[in-house]
Amino acid sequence: MTEDMRTLVLGLGNELAGDDAVGVLVARAVREDVAGAADVVESSASGMALLEIFAGYDRAVVVDSVRTGRNPPGTVTELALADVGRVVAPSLHHAGLPEMAAVAEPLGLGFPAKTRVLAVEVLDPYTMGAALSEPVAGAVGELARRVRDQVERWASEGPAGE
């Protein structure tokens, strides 16, 4: 990984809470494959608590679970930061990626200019101690492939690539 352009792979989730573990499990699955091209971080944090993790990176791939009810469980959706909706929440502790990007610059923390979100529609992100549901477990390979492909694309583009 060049010092000019740093890439982050961030796997979000709680490995003790059923389908919510998917981001963490994908991060573990790609760690060795992207070594040298990206830093891989696992986190169960949310909201502004994630802001420090993004600091210093130019590019980021975020893997997380989502429960919208609009897609069947196991459906993978890929979004650019601009496509991610703002979170209407009672406090900054519940802020989403667009809110983090907006406050990072004034705080001098920086935020990756290139951010891709890979989200998988989940069935049960709440049952403590549960394993991944079958549809979400079936999406882990696709998520890992997409993460590796994105990191590889960015690495081949060099510092000037979009």
Protein backbone atom coordinates (compact mmCIF):
# COMPACT_ATOMS: atom_id res chain seq x y z
CA MET A 1 0.00 0.00 0.00
CA THR A 2 1.42 3.36 -0.96
CA GLU A 3 1.72 6.12 1.58
CA ASP A 4 -0.02 8.40 -0.95
CA MET A 5 -3.36 6.60 -0.97
CA ARG A 6 -4.46 4.54 2.02
CA THR A 7 -7.34 2.09 1.75
CA LEU A 8 -9.52 0.81 4.58
CA VAL A 9 -11.76 -2.25 4.64
CA LEU A 10 -14.16 -1.84 7.56
CA GLY A 11 -16.31 -4.78 8.61
CA LEU A 12 -19.12 -3.68 10.90
CA GLY A 13 -21.25 -5.82 13.15
CA ASN A 14 -21.62 -7.77 16.34
CA GLU A 15 -20.48 -11.35 15.97
CA LEU A 16 -22.74 -12.38 18.84
CA ALA A 17 -25.93 -11.11 17.18
CA GLY A 18 -26.87 -13.44 14.34
CA ASP A 19 -26.82 -11.84 10.89
CA ASP A 20 -25.34 -8.63 12.29
CA ALA A 21 -21.98 -10.46 12.35
CA VAL A 22 -21.69 -10.53 8.55
CA GLY A 23 -19.47 -7.44 8.19
CA VAL A 24 -16.98 -8.72 10.74
CA LEU A 25 -16.90 -12.18 9.15
CA VAL A 26 -16.28 -10.74 5.68
CA ALA A 27 -13.44 -8.59 7.05
CA ARG A 28 -11.82 -11.73 8.45
CA ALA A 29 -12.33 -13.56 5.16
CA VAL A 30 -10.47 -10.93 3.11
CA ARG A 31 -7.76 -9.87 5.59
CA GLU A 32 -4.95 -11.95 4.09
CA ASP A 33 -6.09 -11.42 0.49
CA VAL A 34 -5.87 -7.61 0.68
CA ALA A 35 -2.80 -7.40 2.93
CA GLY A 36 -0.45 -4.73 1.63
CA ALA A 37 -3.22 -3.07 -0.40
CA ALA A 38 -5.63 -2.22 2.43
CA ASP A 39 -5.90 -2.16 6.20
CA VAL A 40 -8.72 -4.34 7.53
CA VAL A 41 -10.57 -3.26 10.67
CA GLU A 42 -13.45 -4.99 12.46
CA SER A 43 -15.75 -2.90 14.64
CA SER A 44 -18.99 -3.25 16.54
CA ALA A 45 -19.14 0.53 17.02
CA SER A 46 -21.66 2.77 15.29
CA GLY A 47 -22.31 6.44 14.65
CA MET A 48 -19.65 9.02 15.40
CA ALA A 49 -17.62 6.43 17.30
CA LEU A 50 -16.47 5.23 13.86
CA LEU A 51 -15.13 8.61 12.79
CA GLU A 52 -11.64 8.05 14.16
CA ILE A 53 -11.36 4.75 12.28
CA PHE A 54 -11.83 6.55 8.95
CA ALA A 55 -9.27 9.28 9.73
CA GLY A 56 -6.19 9.10 7.53
CA TYR A 57 -7.72 6.96 4.80
CA ASP A 58 -8.36 8.11 1.23
CA ARG A 59 -10.55 5.15 0.23
CA ALA A 60 -12.81 2.84 2.20
CA VAL A 61 -14.97 -0.21 1.65
CA VAL A 62 -17.54 -0.64 4.41
CA VAL A 63 -19.29 -4.01 4.83
CA ASP A 64 -22.41 -4.02 6.96
CA SER A 65 -25.81 -5.58 7.44
CA VAL A 66 -29.04 -3.78 6.64
CA ARG A 67 -32.66 -4.64 7.29
CA THR A 68 -34.89 -2.64 4.98
CA GLY A 69 -37.51 -5.24 4.14
CA ARG A 70 -37.26 -4.15 0.48
CA ASN A 71 -35.07 -7.06 -0.64
CA PRO A 72 -34.93 -10.75 0.19
CA PRO A 73 -32.40 -11.69 2.89
CA GLY A 74 -28.98 -12.31 1.36
CA THR A 75 -29.36 -9.58 -1.29
CA VAL A 76 -26.12 -7.60 -1.64
CA THR A 77 -26.35 -3.90 -2.45
CA GLU A 78 -23.37 -1.73 -3.36
CA LEU A 79 -23.53 2.02 -2.82
CA ALA A 80 -21.26 5.02 -3.15
CA LEU A 81 -21.20 7.40 -0.19
CA ALA A 82 -23.36 9.86 -2.16
CA ASP A 83 -26.03 7.14 -2.49
CA VAL A 84 -26.26 6.47 1.25
CA GLY A 85 -29.24 8.20 2.82
CA ARG A 86 -28.86 10.50 5.76
CA VAL A 87 -29.91 9.17 9.15
CA VAL A 88 -32.65 10.98 11.02
CA ALA A 89 -31.60 10.27 14.57
CA PRO A 90 -31.99 11.77 18.02
CA SER A 91 -28.25 12.37 18.44
CA LEU A 92 -24.89 12.22 16.70
CA HIS A 93 -24.28 8.88 18.41
CA HIS A 94 -26.64 7.42 15.80
CA ALA A 95 -25.18 9.28 12.82
CA GLY A 96 -24.60 7.57 9.49
CA LEU A 97 -21.77 7.83 6.97
CA PRO A 98 -22.95 11.07 5.31
CA GLU A 99 -23.13 12.79 8.69
CA MET A 100 -19.65 11.55 9.60
CA ALA A 101 -18.22 12.82 6.32
CA ALA A 102 -19.84 16.23 6.91
CA VAL A 103 -18.33 16.72 10.38
CA ALA A 104 -14.92 15.14 9.71
CA GLU A 105 -13.44 18.08 7.80
CA PRO A 106 -14.28 20.81 10.34
CA LEU A 107 -12.81 18.57 13.05
CA GLY A 108 -9.63 18.09 11.02
CA LEU A 109 -10.10 14.32 10.92
CA GLY A 110 -10.56 13.78 7.22
CA PHE A 111 -12.84 11.20 5.65
CA PRO A 112 -12.18 8.90 2.69
CA ALA A 113 -13.12 10.72 -0.52
CA LYS A 114 -13.86 7.36 -2.13
CA THR A 115 -16.17 5.26 0.01
CA ARG A 116 -18.08 2.19 -1.13
CA VAL A 117 -20.67 0.48 1.05
CA LEU A 118 -21.47 -3.20 0.61
CA ALA A 119 -24.64 -4.00 2.51
CA VAL A 120 -26.43 -7.32 2.75
CA GLU A 121 -30.11 -7.57 3.56
CA VAL A 122 -30.38 -9.61 6.74
CA LEU A 123 -33.06 -11.77 8.29
CA ASP A 124 -32.23 -11.61 12.01
CA PRO A 125 -29.66 -9.12 13.30
CA TYR A 126 -30.92 -9.22 16.88
CA THR A 127 -30.89 -12.75 18.32
CA MET A 128 -27.89 -13.03 20.59
CA GLY A 129 -25.85 -16.17 20.11
CA ALA A 130 -27.48 -17.04 16.80
CA ALA A 131 -25.48 -18.08 13.75
CA LEU A 132 -25.85 -16.36 10.38
CA SER A 133 -29.12 -17.20 8.68
CA GLU A 134 -28.78 -19.38 5.59
CA PRO A 135 -29.35 -16.57 3.04
CA VAL A 136 -26.83 -14.26 4.72
CA ALA A 137 -24.24 -17.02 5.11
CA GLY A 138 -24.69 -17.64 1.39
CA ALA A 139 -23.81 -14.00 0.64
CA VAL A 140 -20.47 -13.98 2.50
CA GLY A 141 -18.53 -15.28 -0.52
CA GLU A 142 -20.02 -12.65 -2.84
CA LEU A 143 -19.32 -9.88 -0.34
CA ALA A 144 -15.71 -11.03 0.08
CA ARG A 145 -15.23 -11.18 -3.70
CA ARG A 146 -16.62 -7.67 -4.13
CA VAL A 147 -14.34 -6.31 -1.40
CA ARG A 148 -11.28 -7.93 -3.00
CA ASP A 149 -12.29 -6.66 -6.45
CA GLN A 150 -12.76 -3.08 -5.21
CA VAL A 151 -9.44 -3.04 -3.37
CA GLU A 152 -7.72 -4.48 -6.45
CA ARG A 153 -9.32 -1.83 -8.72
CA TRP A 154 -8.16 0.97 -6.46
CA ALA A 155 -4.67 -0.49 -6.15
CA SER A 156 -4.34 -0.71 -9.94
CA GLU A 157 -5.55 2.87 -10.44
CA GLY A 158 -2.82 4.41 -8.33
CA PRO A 159 -3.11 7.78 -6.59
CA ALA A 160 -4.94 9.55 -9.43
CA GLY A 161 -7.58 6.88 -10.08
CA GLU A 162 -11.24 7.28 -9.38
